[in-house]
């Protein structure tokens, strides 16, 4: 029955390609229907067995990629319009060009797979080999291409399972890529049973062995971790201040308009005054909450010093400061201010390492400075080079990341390599307006806690702000574009955790490459 329906649909391969892309972006926020990701491989695989040219195959895969980008990353148009000061239609045209290369892992995988099928699977394979091919080789190839192909937002297909704590604890062993492999393996296996692309002597039920093993392992380990969480340590009550001040206000502040700067700071101070009676252990303001050069603006520095002494609580906040390497550049930084018994402030800082292209620097701008003259709205920040943590006077040591850094696994592991018991992430998502981007961005950051077993404190200018415990559970989340004070009690681990993934990194992709070499060895293609 399924075969007959698919044969009718297969007359319109472009429609299947678009449908595949729709299934992918609907799996993610803000739709958040991860079960659809299991259906995606069924259609995507079936298309690769139709005999077409390399050019035609790439076009079909590209159409899937383009659909994913349009449906999942439409908010890029808003950013270009608002901060590039361009008309909507020009912003949309630029966005469409961005969609052309934003997720090329789909056409690359599709083209490779279609060429392999066209060249080597000229005769129907044995059922056992077909089972290995669909449940092991194709998922390994998809996940490997996904890992090695860079994206502006580093996301995997398996990231749609970010709320499934009963499943995703296994990433502390393997990294998040295992969820992509598991998703594609199960969908691919079911696809072979429902709509086999070639005649088989019998139905290859053994195709379910690999997905059953990996899903059982994921469920089993997750059950173990949920019932045996990391040894709890101290409780940290955090006051997160979301003042709902967007980037446009910050840009005005950076121009030196004294009234705007004071207005921004005063709003954070007023909200903090309301939060202090809750007796938090730590107050956190978001990225660039202080829109002036910290340490170089005496009157504002004195005002903030007095308020922190009055509150009697440590404050971690985003702000700017002059570069120690280039006087004409600023750092986008995070600062810990903590009152001491002698009436002085203990100060520590962290400077953002990963700058956002076209927002905080222009790619190749250091070689072609004229680009900054043509695009003055693009900032030119200095890049930080260290990942030093900050330590509260009670000995609690926290890592710090700013914005995008919390969704880059390799960088987050550098931050977590220090003996820390939690991570603070200061973010500015106001660039993206009332779109799905803050939801997608926030969901990707949850995986860093799952991978490292480090609680995460995520504070944004305009939402979403929340905490994540060491098991990946999110606290209450602040709404978008509303001022909010979020008080969250977070249990820190007793000792700095060292998960298998933190120690060994992306070893799972090495295993996948080994699978590709083993099953891709030519003698295995013999029927």
Protein backbone atom coordinates (compact mmCIF):
# COMPACT_ATOMS: atom_id res chain seq x y z
CA UNK A 1 0.00 0.00 0.00
CA UNK A 2 2.75 2.45 1.00
CA UNK A 3 4.72 1.52 -2.11
CA UNK A 4 1.80 2.30 -4.39
CA UNK A 5 1.21 5.67 -2.76
CA UNK A 6 4.90 6.55 -2.99
CA UNK A 7 5.09 5.53 -6.65
CA UNK A 8 2.32 8.01 -7.37
CA UNK A 9 4.11 10.70 -5.36
CA UNK A 10 7.49 9.84 -6.94
CA UNK A 11 6.27 11.28 -10.24
CA UNK A 12 6.84 14.65 -8.57
CA UNK A 13 10.35 14.35 -7.03
CA UNK A 14 10.58 18.09 -6.41
CA UNK A 15 7.48 17.81 -4.23
CA UNK A 16 9.08 15.02 -2.16
CA UNK A 17 12.20 17.15 -1.83
CA UNK A 18 10.22 20.11 -0.50
CA UNK A 19 8.23 17.85 1.82
CA UNK A 20 11.51 16.49 3.23
CA UNK A 21 12.65 20.02 4.06
CA UNK A 22 9.30 20.89 5.65
CA UNK A 23 9.56 17.82 7.90
CA UNK A 24 12.97 19.00 9.10
CA UNK A 25 12.15 22.60 10.01
CA UNK A 26 8.86 21.60 11.63
CA UNK A 27 10.86 19.34 13.95
CA UNK A 28 12.52 22.39 15.53
CA UNK A 29 11.37 25.41 17.48
CA UNK A 30 9.03 27.09 17.42
CA UNK A 31 6.97 24.19 16.01
CA UNK A 32 8.90 21.59 18.02
CA UNK A 33 7.52 18.38 16.46
CA UNK A 34 10.59 16.12 16.68
CA UNK A 35 8.69 12.97 15.66
CA UNK A 36 8.58 14.41 12.12
CA UNK A 37 12.37 14.06 11.93
CA UNK A 38 11.85 10.27 11.89
CA UNK A 39 9.73 10.52 8.74
CA UNK A 40 12.22 12.72 6.87
CA UNK A 41 14.73 9.88 6.06
CA UNK A 42 11.98 7.73 4.54
CA UNK A 43 11.35 10.21 1.72
CA UNK A 44 14.91 11.47 1.43
CA UNK A 45 16.38 7.98 1.00
CA UNK A 46 13.76 6.83 -1.49
CA UNK A 47 14.58 9.73 -3.82
CA UNK A 48 18.25 8.76 -3.98
CA UNK A 49 17.48 5.47 -5.73
CA UNK A 50 15.92 7.10 -8.78
CA UNK A 51 18.36 7.16 -11.68
CA UNK A 52 19.28 10.78 -12.38
CA UNK A 53 22.31 12.86 -13.31
CA UNK A 54 24.60 14.32 -10.65
CA UNK A 55 23.33 17.79 -11.50
CA UNK A 56 19.71 16.71 -11.08
CA UNK A 57 20.48 14.95 -7.79
CA UNK A 58 22.24 17.98 -6.38
CA UNK A 59 19.28 20.15 -7.38
CA UNK A 60 16.85 17.90 -5.50
CA UNK A 61 19.01 17.91 -2.38
CA UNK A 62 19.46 21.66 -2.71
CA UNK A 63 15.69 22.12 -2.83
CA UNK A 64 15.41 20.32 0.51
CA UNK A 65 18.18 22.50 1.94
CA UNK A 66 16.54 25.66 0.61
CA UNK A 67 13.20 24.67 2.14
CA UNK A 68 14.85 24.06 5.52
CA UNK A 69 16.52 27.46 5.43
CA UNK A 70 13.41 29.40 4.34
CA UNK A 71 11.22 27.70 6.96
CA UNK A 72 13.69 27.67 9.83
CA UNK A 73 15.81 30.79 9.26
CA UNK A 74 13.35 33.31 7.82
CA UNK A 75 14.31 35.65 10.67
CA UNK A 76 17.58 36.52 8.89
CA UNK A 77 15.46 38.82 6.70
CA UNK A 78 14.44 40.79 9.79
CA UNK A 79 18.06 41.23 10.87
CA UNK A 80 19.16 42.46 7.45
CA UNK A 81 16.25 44.90 7.25
CA UNK A 82 16.53 46.32 10.77
CA UNK A 83 20.29 46.55 11.10
CA UNK A 84 21.37 46.83 7.48
CA UNK A 85 18.87 49.67 6.97
CA UNK A 86 17.74 48.04 3.73
CA UNK A 87 14.23 47.80 2.24
CA UNK A 88 12.31 44.62 2.94
CA UNK A 89 12.52 43.37 -0.64
CA UNK A 90 16.30 43.80 -0.81
CA UNK A 91 16.65 42.14 2.60
CA UNK A 92 14.59 39.20 1.35
CA UNK A 93 16.71 38.83 -1.79
CA UNK A 94 19.89 38.80 0.33
CA UNK A 95 18.26 36.23 2.62
CA UNK A 96 17.45 33.99 -0.35
CA UNK A 97 21.13 34.06 -1.37
CA UNK A 98 22.00 33.08 2.21
CA UNK A 99 19.58 30.15 1.94
CA UNK A 100 21.63 28.91 -1.00
CA UNK A 101 24.58 27.88 1.16
CA UNK A 102 23.17 27.72 4.70
CA UNK A 103 22.57 23.93 4.85
CA UNK A 104 24.51 22.39 1.97
CA UNK A 105 25.00 19.19 3.96
CA UNK A 106 21.63 18.05 2.54
CA UNK A 107 22.52 18.24 -1.20
CA UNK A 108 26.03 16.95 -0.53
CA UNK A 109 24.69 13.87 1.26
CA UNK A 110 21.94 13.41 -1.32
CA UNK A 111 24.35 13.64 -4.27
CA UNK A 112 26.89 11.25 -2.74
CA UNK A 113 24.21 8.73 -1.84
CA UNK A 114 22.48 8.90 -5.24
CA UNK A 115 25.79 8.42 -7.09
CA UNK A 116 26.72 5.43 -4.92
CA UNK A 117 23.31 3.85 -5.53
CA UNK A 118 23.51 4.53 -9.25
CA UNK A 119 27.00 3.08 -9.63
CA UNK A 120 27.11 0.11 -7.28
CA UNK A 121 23.58 -1.06 -6.54
CA UNK A 122 22.71 -2.04 -10.09
CA UNK A 123 21.30 -5.36 -8.93
CA UNK A 124 19.15 -5.92 -5.83
CA UNK A 125 21.39 -6.62 -2.80
CA UNK A 126 20.90 -9.42 -0.34
CA UNK A 127 18.42 -8.58 2.44
CA UNK A 128 21.11 -8.62 5.13
CA UNK A 129 23.30 -6.18 3.23
CA UNK A 130 20.29 -3.96 2.49
CA UNK A 131 19.55 -3.94 6.23
CA UNK A 132 23.12 -2.83 7.06
CA UNK A 133 23.05 -0.24 4.30
CA UNK A 134 19.86 1.44 5.48
CA UNK A 135 20.35 1.17 9.24
CA UNK A 136 24.10 1.79 9.43
CA UNK A 137 25.77 3.15 6.29
CA UNK A 138 23.25 5.82 5.24
CA UNK A 139 22.80 7.19 8.80
CA UNK A 140 26.59 7.24 9.26
CA UNK A 141 27.06 9.10 5.98
CA UNK A 142 24.32 11.61 6.79
CA UNK A 143 25.70 12.31 10.26
CA UNK A 144 29.30 12.56 9.06
CA UNK A 145 28.45 15.07 6.33
CA UNK A 146 26.35 16.97 8.85
CA UNK A 147 29.29 17.13 11.29
CA UNK A 148 31.92 18.28 8.81
CA UNK A 149 29.86 20.82 6.89
CA UNK A 150 30.00 24.21 8.67
CA UNK A 151 26.87 26.25 9.39
CA UNK A 152 26.28 29.76 10.68
CA UNK A 153 24.26 28.15 13.47
CA UNK A 154 25.89 24.80 14.36
CA UNK A 155 22.84 22.54 14.51
CA UNK A 156 22.22 18.84 13.89
CA UNK A 157 19.04 17.02 12.96
CA UNK A 158 19.11 15.37 16.41
CA UNK A 159 18.98 18.71 18.21
CA UNK A 160 15.20 18.67 17.81
CA UNK A 161 15.12 16.23 20.79
CA UNK A 162 16.33 18.87 23.25
CA UNK A 163 13.30 18.47 25.54
CA UNK A 164 13.50 14.65 25.59
CA UNK A 165 15.57 14.21 28.77
CA UNK A 166 14.45 10.55 28.87
CA UNK A 167 16.45 10.08 25.63
CA UNK A 168 19.19 12.68 25.30
CA UNK A 169 21.34 12.03 28.41
CA UNK A 170 23.54 9.80 26.24
CA UNK A 171 25.13 12.89 24.69
CA UNK A 172 27.39 13.16 27.76
CA UNK A 173 29.14 10.09 26.32
CA UNK A 174 29.00 10.74 22.59
CA UNK A 175 28.12 14.35 21.92
CA UNK A 176 24.90 15.45 20.24
CA UNK A 177 25.71 13.84 16.88
CA UNK A 178 24.50 10.47 18.18
CA UNK A 179 20.92 11.79 18.17
CA UNK A 180 21.17 12.57 14.45
CA UNK A 181 22.49 9.08 13.80
CA UNK A 182 19.75 7.48 15.90
CA UNK A 183 17.04 9.55 14.22
CA UNK A 184 18.21 8.83 10.70
CA UNK A 185 18.82 5.15 11.44
CA UNK A 186 15.29 4.53 12.70
CA UNK A 187 13.63 6.51 9.92
CA UNK A 188 15.81 4.89 7.28
CA UNK A 189 15.11 1.38 8.59
CA UNK A 190 11.36 1.94 8.65
CA UNK A 191 11.60 3.32 5.12
CA UNK A 192 13.20 0.10 3.85
CA UNK A 193 10.36 -1.93 5.33
CA UNK A 194 7.56 0.34 4.08
CA UNK A 195 8.79 1.39 0.64
CA UNK A 196 11.82 -0.74 -0.39
CA UNK A 197 13.43 0.82 -3.49
CA UNK A 198 14.30 -2.59 -4.98
CA UNK A 199 12.92 -6.11 -5.05
CA UNK A 200 13.88 -8.23 -2.04
CA UNK A 201 13.47 -11.98 -1.59
CA UNK A 202 12.07 -11.38 1.89
CA UNK A 203 11.27 -8.48 4.17
CA UNK A 204 14.56 -7.62 5.98
CA UNK A 205 13.37 -7.25 9.57
CA UNK A 206 17.00 -7.31 10.73
CA UNK A 207 17.17 -3.69 9.54
CA UNK A 208 15.61 -2.79 12.89
CA UNK A 209 18.47 -4.29 14.92
CA UNK A 210 20.78 -1.24 14.76
CA UNK A 211 18.13 1.42 15.54
CA UNK A 212 16.70 -0.75 18.33
CA UNK A 213 20.17 -1.14 19.85
CA UNK A 214 21.03 2.55 19.74
CA UNK A 215 17.59 3.76 20.89
CA UNK A 216 17.58 1.18 23.69
CA UNK A 217 21.07 2.34 24.71
CA UNK A 218 19.92 5.97 24.70
CA UNK A 219 16.80 5.22 26.75
CA UNK A 220 18.71 2.93 29.10
CA UNK A 221 21.56 5.32 29.82
CA UNK A 222 19.14 8.23 30.17
CA UNK A 223 17.13 6.26 32.74
CA UNK A 224 20.33 5.53 34.64
CA UNK A 225 21.46 9.17 34.59
CA UNK A 226 18.04 10.51 35.60
CA UNK A 227 17.96 8.13 38.58
CA UNK A 228 21.67 8.70 39.37
CA UNK A 229 22.26 12.43 38.82
CA UNK A 230 25.61 14.08 39.57
CA UNK A 231 26.32 14.46 43.28
CA UNK A 232 24.60 17.68 44.32
CA UNK A 233 26.56 20.52 45.87
CA UNK A 234 25.51 23.97 46.99
CA UNK A 235 22.30 25.69 45.96
CA UNK A 236 22.73 28.93 44.01
CA UNK A 237 19.82 31.37 43.90
CA UNK A 238 20.18 33.51 40.79
CA UNK A 239 18.35 36.74 39.93
CA UNK A 240 18.27 37.18 36.15
CA UNK A 241 17.41 40.68 34.97
CA UNK A 242 15.78 41.00 31.54
CA UNK A 243 15.21 44.71 30.98
CA UNK A 244 13.81 44.38 27.44
CA UNK A 245 16.23 46.88 25.91
CA UNK A 246 16.93 46.04 22.29
CA UNK A 247 19.92 46.51 20.06
CA UNK A 248 18.66 49.70 18.47
CA UNK A 249 18.65 51.36 21.88
CA UNK A 250 22.15 50.03 22.47
CA UNK A 251 23.37 51.43 19.17
CA UNK A 252 22.06 54.85 20.14
CA UNK A 253 23.82 54.49 23.47
CA UNK A 254 27.13 53.62 21.82
CA UNK A 255 27.06 56.90 19.91
CA UNK A 256 27.69 58.73 23.16
CA UNK A 257 24.20 60.08 23.81
CA UNK A 258 24.48 60.51 27.57
CA UNK A 259 20.76 60.39 28.25
CA UNK A 260 20.31 57.09 26.42
CA UNK A 261 23.23 55.46 28.23
CA UNK A 262 21.95 56.55 31.63
CA UNK A 263 18.43 55.40 30.75
CA UNK A 264 19.67 51.89 29.89
CA UNK A 265 21.71 51.53 33.09
CA UNK A 266 18.94 52.99 35.26
CA UNK A 267 16.41 50.46 33.97
CA UNK A 268 18.66 47.55 34.97
CA UNK A 269 19.28 49.17 38.36
CA UNK A 270 15.54 49.64 39.02
CA UNK A 271 14.76 46.01 38.22
CA UNK A 272 17.68 44.86 40.35
CA UNK A 273 16.40 46.91 43.28
CA UNK A 274 13.21 44.86 43.07
CA UNK A 275 15.14 41.57 42.86
CA UNK A 276 17.46 42.12 45.86
CA UNK A 277 14.73 41.52 48.52
CA UNK A 278 14.54 37.91 47.25
CA UNK A 279 18.10 37.45 48.66
CA UNK A 280 19.79 36.05 45.54
CA UNK A 281 23.32 34.70 45.75
CA UNK A 282 24.12 36.12 42.33
CA UNK A 283 22.65 38.82 40.07
CA UNK A 284 23.12 38.48 36.32
CA UNK A 285 22.55 41.09 33.63
CA UNK A 286 22.72 40.16 29.91
CA UNK A 287 25.16 40.87 27.10
CA UNK A 288 26.05 44.58 26.65
CA UNK A 289 23.76 45.61 29.53
CA UNK A 290 26.27 48.38 30.29
CA UNK A 291 26.48 50.25 26.96
CA UNK A 292 29.66 52.12 27.76
CA UNK A 293 33.36 51.46 28.21
CA UNK A 294 33.76 49.85 31.63
CA UNK A 295 36.74 51.20 33.52
CA UNK A 296 37.03 54.22 31.27
CA UNK A 297 33.90 56.19 32.28
CA UNK A 298 34.55 57.36 35.84
CA UNK A 299 31.14 58.77 36.78
CA UNK A 300 29.20 55.71 35.61
CA UNK A 301 31.75 53.34 37.16
CA UNK A 302 31.32 55.10 40.52
CA UNK A 303 27.52 54.95 40.26
CA UNK A 304 27.56 51.20 39.59
CA UNK A 305 30.11 50.62 42.38
CA UNK A 306 27.83 52.35 44.86
CA UNK A 307 24.79 50.32 43.79
CA UNK A 308 26.64 47.00 44.04
CA UNK A 309 27.89 47.92 47.52
CA UNK A 310 24.34 48.84 48.46
CA UNK A 311 22.94 45.53 47.15
CA UNK A 312 25.71 43.53 48.81
CA UNK A 313 25.46 40.91 46.04
CA UNK A 314 27.84 39.88 43.27
CA UNK A 315 26.86 41.01 39.78
CA UNK A 316 27.85 39.47 36.45
CA UNK A 317 27.04 41.76 33.54
CA UNK A 318 27.87 42.32 29.91
CA UNK A 319 29.54 45.52 28.79
CA UNK A 320 32.27 47.04 26.65
CA UNK A 321 35.86 47.89 27.46
CA UNK A 322 38.88 49.17 25.57
CA UNK A 323 41.12 46.66 23.87
CA UNK A 324 44.54 46.15 25.43
CA UNK A 325 45.94 45.36 21.98
CA UNK A 326 44.34 47.99 19.75
CA UNK A 327 43.29 51.33 21.22
CA UNK A 328 40.76 51.92 18.44
CA UNK A 329 38.86 48.71 19.19
CA UNK A 330 36.61 47.56 22.03
CA UNK A 331 35.98 44.18 23.58
CA UNK A 332 32.49 42.78 24.07
CA UNK A 333 33.01 41.48 27.58
CA UNK A 334 31.50 40.07 30.75
CA UNK A 335 32.41 41.46 34.18
CA UNK A 336 32.05 40.12 37.70
CA UNK A 337 31.73 42.82 40.36
CA UNK A 338 31.60 41.60 43.95
CA UNK A 339 31.57 43.69 47.15
CA UNK A 340 34.18 42.91 49.81
CA UNK A 341 34.50 43.67 53.52
CA UNK A 342 36.89 46.58 52.95
CA UNK A 343 34.37 48.43 50.79
CA UNK A 344 36.20 47.72 47.54
CA UNK A 345 34.87 45.78 44.57
CA UNK A 346 36.47 42.54 43.48
CA UNK A 347 36.49 42.62 39.67
CA UNK A 348 37.07 39.84 37.14
CA UNK A 349 36.41 39.84 33.42
CA UNK A 350 36.04 37.69 30.34
CA UNK A 351 36.27 38.90 26.73
CA UNK A 352 34.15 37.33 24.01
CA UNK A 353 36.17 34.93 21.85
CA UNK A 354 33.73 34.05 19.04
CA UNK A 355 32.42 37.18 17.35
CA UNK A 356 29.28 37.11 15.22
CA UNK A 357 29.99 37.68 11.53
CA UNK A 358 28.39 40.81 10.04
CA UNK A 359 27.32 41.94 13.51
CA UNK A 360 30.57 42.24 15.48
CA UNK A 361 33.06 42.02 12.65
CA UNK A 362 33.18 41.91 8.87
CA UNK A 363 34.71 38.71 7.45
CA UNK A 364 38.12 39.55 5.93
CA UNK A 365 37.68 43.11 7.18
CA UNK A 366 41.19 43.05 8.65
CA UNK A 367 42.54 42.56 5.11
CA UNK A 368 40.09 44.93 3.41
CA UNK A 369 39.36 47.77 5.90
CA UNK A 370 37.40 49.61 3.24
CA UNK A 371 34.52 47.19 3.88
CA UNK A 372 33.86 48.98 7.19
CA UNK A 373 33.52 52.28 5.33
CA UNK A 374 30.90 50.85 2.99
CA UNK A 375 29.08 49.07 5.83
CA UNK A 376 29.45 51.34 8.89
CA UNK A 377 26.65 49.51 10.72
CA UNK A 378 28.96 46.48 11.11
CA UNK A 379 31.00 46.77 14.32
CA UNK A 380 34.72 46.02 14.55
CA UNK A 381 35.35 44.38 17.93
CA UNK A 382 38.55 42.94 19.29
CA UNK A 383 38.50 39.18 19.74
CA UNK A 384 39.21 37.69 23.17
CA UNK A 385 41.68 34.81 23.38
CA UNK A 386 41.18 33.30 26.86
CA UNK A 387 38.40 31.31 28.53
CA UNK A 388 39.23 32.07 32.15
CA UNK A 389 36.38 31.44 34.63
CA UNK A 390 35.27 33.80 37.38
CA UNK A 391 35.28 32.87 41.07
CA UNK A 392 32.91 34.18 43.71
CA UNK A 393 34.37 34.95 47.14
CA UNK A 394 32.70 31.80 48.55
CA UNK A 395 34.80 29.72 46.13
CA UNK A 396 32.10 29.02 43.53
CA UNK A 397 33.81 29.00 40.13
CA UNK A 398 31.73 29.68 37.03
CA UNK A 399 32.60 29.63 33.35
CA UNK A 400 31.41 32.49 31.17
CA UNK A 401 30.23 32.47 27.55
CA UNK A 402 28.66 35.26 25.54
CA UNK A 403 25.81 34.71 23.09
CA UNK A 404 26.79 32.42 20.19
CA UNK A 405 29.59 30.75 22.19
CA UNK A 406 27.07 28.63 24.11
CA UNK A 407 26.00 26.73 20.98
CA UNK A 408 29.50 25.80 19.77
CA UNK A 409 30.35 22.42 21.40
CA UNK A 410 34.12 22.58 20.85
CA UNK A 411 34.37 26.04 22.41
CA UNK A 412 32.11 25.14 25.30
CA UNK A 413 34.38 22.19 26.10
CA UNK A 414 37.29 24.63 26.39
CA UNK A 415 35.27 26.67 28.87
CA UNK A 416 34.30 23.50 30.76
CA UNK A 417 37.89 22.22 30.83
CA UNK A 418 38.54 24.55 33.78
CA UNK A 419 37.43 23.30 37.22
CA UNK A 420 34.00 24.97 37.19
CA UNK A 421 30.59 23.99 38.56
CA UNK A 422 28.37 26.03 36.23
CA UNK A 423 28.35 28.34 33.22
CA UNK A 424 26.85 31.80 32.78
CA UNK A 425 25.76 32.73 29.27
CA UNK A 426 25.02 36.39 28.47
CA UNK A 427 23.05 36.75 25.24
CA UNK A 428 21.54 39.45 23.03
CA UNK A 429 18.77 38.05 20.82
CA UNK A 430 17.03 41.37 20.24
CA UNK A 431 18.67 41.46 16.79
CA UNK A 432 16.13 38.90 15.60
CA UNK A 433 12.85 40.51 16.63
CA UNK A 434 9.65 38.61 17.49
CA UNK A 435 10.63 35.52 15.48
CA UNK A 436 11.46 31.91 16.23
CA UNK A 437 15.22 32.59 16.47
CA UNK A 438 15.33 33.11 20.26
CA UNK A 439 13.56 29.76 20.72
CA UNK A 440 15.94 27.96 18.36
CA UNK A 441 19.00 29.64 19.89
CA UNK A 442 17.87 28.76 23.41
CA UNK A 443 17.11 25.14 22.54
CA UNK A 444 20.59 24.59 21.09
CA UNK A 445 22.24 25.90 24.26
CA UNK A 446 20.47 23.24 26.37
CA UNK A 447 22.74 20.58 24.87
CA UNK A 448 25.83 22.10 26.45
CA UNK A 449 24.49 21.22 29.90
CA UNK A 450 23.61 17.72 28.71
CA UNK A 451 27.09 17.18 27.26
CA UNK A 452 29.05 18.55 30.22
CA UNK A 453 26.63 18.05 33.14
CA UNK A 454 27.22 21.71 34.01
CA UNK A 455 24.20 23.87 34.93
CA UNK A 456 23.66 26.85 32.63
CA UNK A 457 22.44 30.34 33.51
CA UNK A 458 21.22 32.03 30.31
CA UNK A 459 20.28 35.70 30.53
CA UNK A 460 19.17 37.72 27.51
CA UNK A 461 18.25 41.34 26.83
CA UNK A 462 14.79 40.65 25.43
CA UNK A 463 14.21 36.91 26.09
CA UNK A 464 14.36 34.01 26.37
CA UNK A 465 16.10 33.84 29.77
CA UNK A 466 16.21 30.61 31.79
CA UNK A 467 18.42 28.20 33.67
CA UNK A 468 19.22 24.61 32.75
CA UNK A 469 20.14 22.02 35.35
CA UNK A 470 22.76 19.32 34.84
CA UNK A 471 20.12 16.94 33.42
CA UNK A 472 18.95 19.37 30.75
CA UNK A 473 15.75 20.48 32.49
CA UNK A 474 14.81 24.09 31.79
CA UNK A 475 13.45 26.41 34.43
CA UNK A 476 10.57 28.77 33.82
CA UNK A 477 11.34 30.81 30.69
CA UNK A 478 10.89 34.56 30.38
CA UNK A 479 8.64 35.86 27.59
CA UNK A 480 9.91 37.72 24.55
CA UNK A 481 10.12 41.52 24.60
CA UNK A 482 8.86 42.02 28.13
CA UNK A 483 10.87 43.23 31.14
CA UNK A 484 11.17 40.40 33.63
CA UNK A 485 12.92 39.40 36.84
CA UNK A 486 13.50 35.66 36.97
CA UNK A 487 14.56 34.13 40.29
CA UNK A 488 15.84 30.59 39.87
CA UNK A 489 17.24 28.11 42.40
CA UNK A 490 19.95 26.04 40.76
CA UNK A 491 21.72 23.05 42.32
CA UNK A 492 25.40 23.03 41.41
CA UNK A 493 27.42 19.80 41.28
CA UNK A 494 29.54 19.03 44.34
CA UNK A 495 32.70 18.80 42.23
CA UNK A 496 33.54 19.94 38.68
CA UNK A 497 32.18 17.17 36.40
CA UNK A 498 34.28 15.51 33.73
CA UNK A 499 32.04 13.61 31.31
CA UNK A 500 33.33 11.15 28.73
CA UNK A 501 32.51 13.63 25.97
CA UNK A 502 34.42 16.41 27.73
CA UNK A 503 37.49 14.20 27.97
CA UNK A 504 37.40 12.61 24.52
CA UNK A 505 35.54 15.09 22.35
CA UNK A 506 33.91 14.04 19.08
CA UNK A 507 35.13 10.42 19.09
CA UNK A 508 31.72 9.28 17.81
CA UNK A 509 32.31 10.83 14.39
CA UNK A 510 35.54 8.81 14.13
CA UNK A 511 33.45 5.68 14.69
CA UNK A 512 31.05 6.78 11.96
CA UNK A 513 33.91 7.33 9.51
CA UNK A 514 35.13 3.82 10.32
CA UNK A 515 31.66 2.44 9.51
CA UNK A 516 31.73 4.25 6.17
CA UNK A 517 35.09 2.74 5.23
CA UNK A 518 34.00 -0.74 6.29
CA UNK A 519 30.62 -0.86 4.54
CA UNK A 520 31.79 1.27 1.63
CA UNK A 521 34.54 -1.24 0.78
CA UNK A 522 33.71 -2.41 -2.73
CA UNK A 523 33.43 -6.20 -2.13
CA UNK A 524 30.42 -5.51 0.10
CA UNK A 525 28.49 -4.30 -2.92
CA UNK A 526 28.45 -7.71 -4.52
CA UNK A 527 24.94 -9.16 -4.53
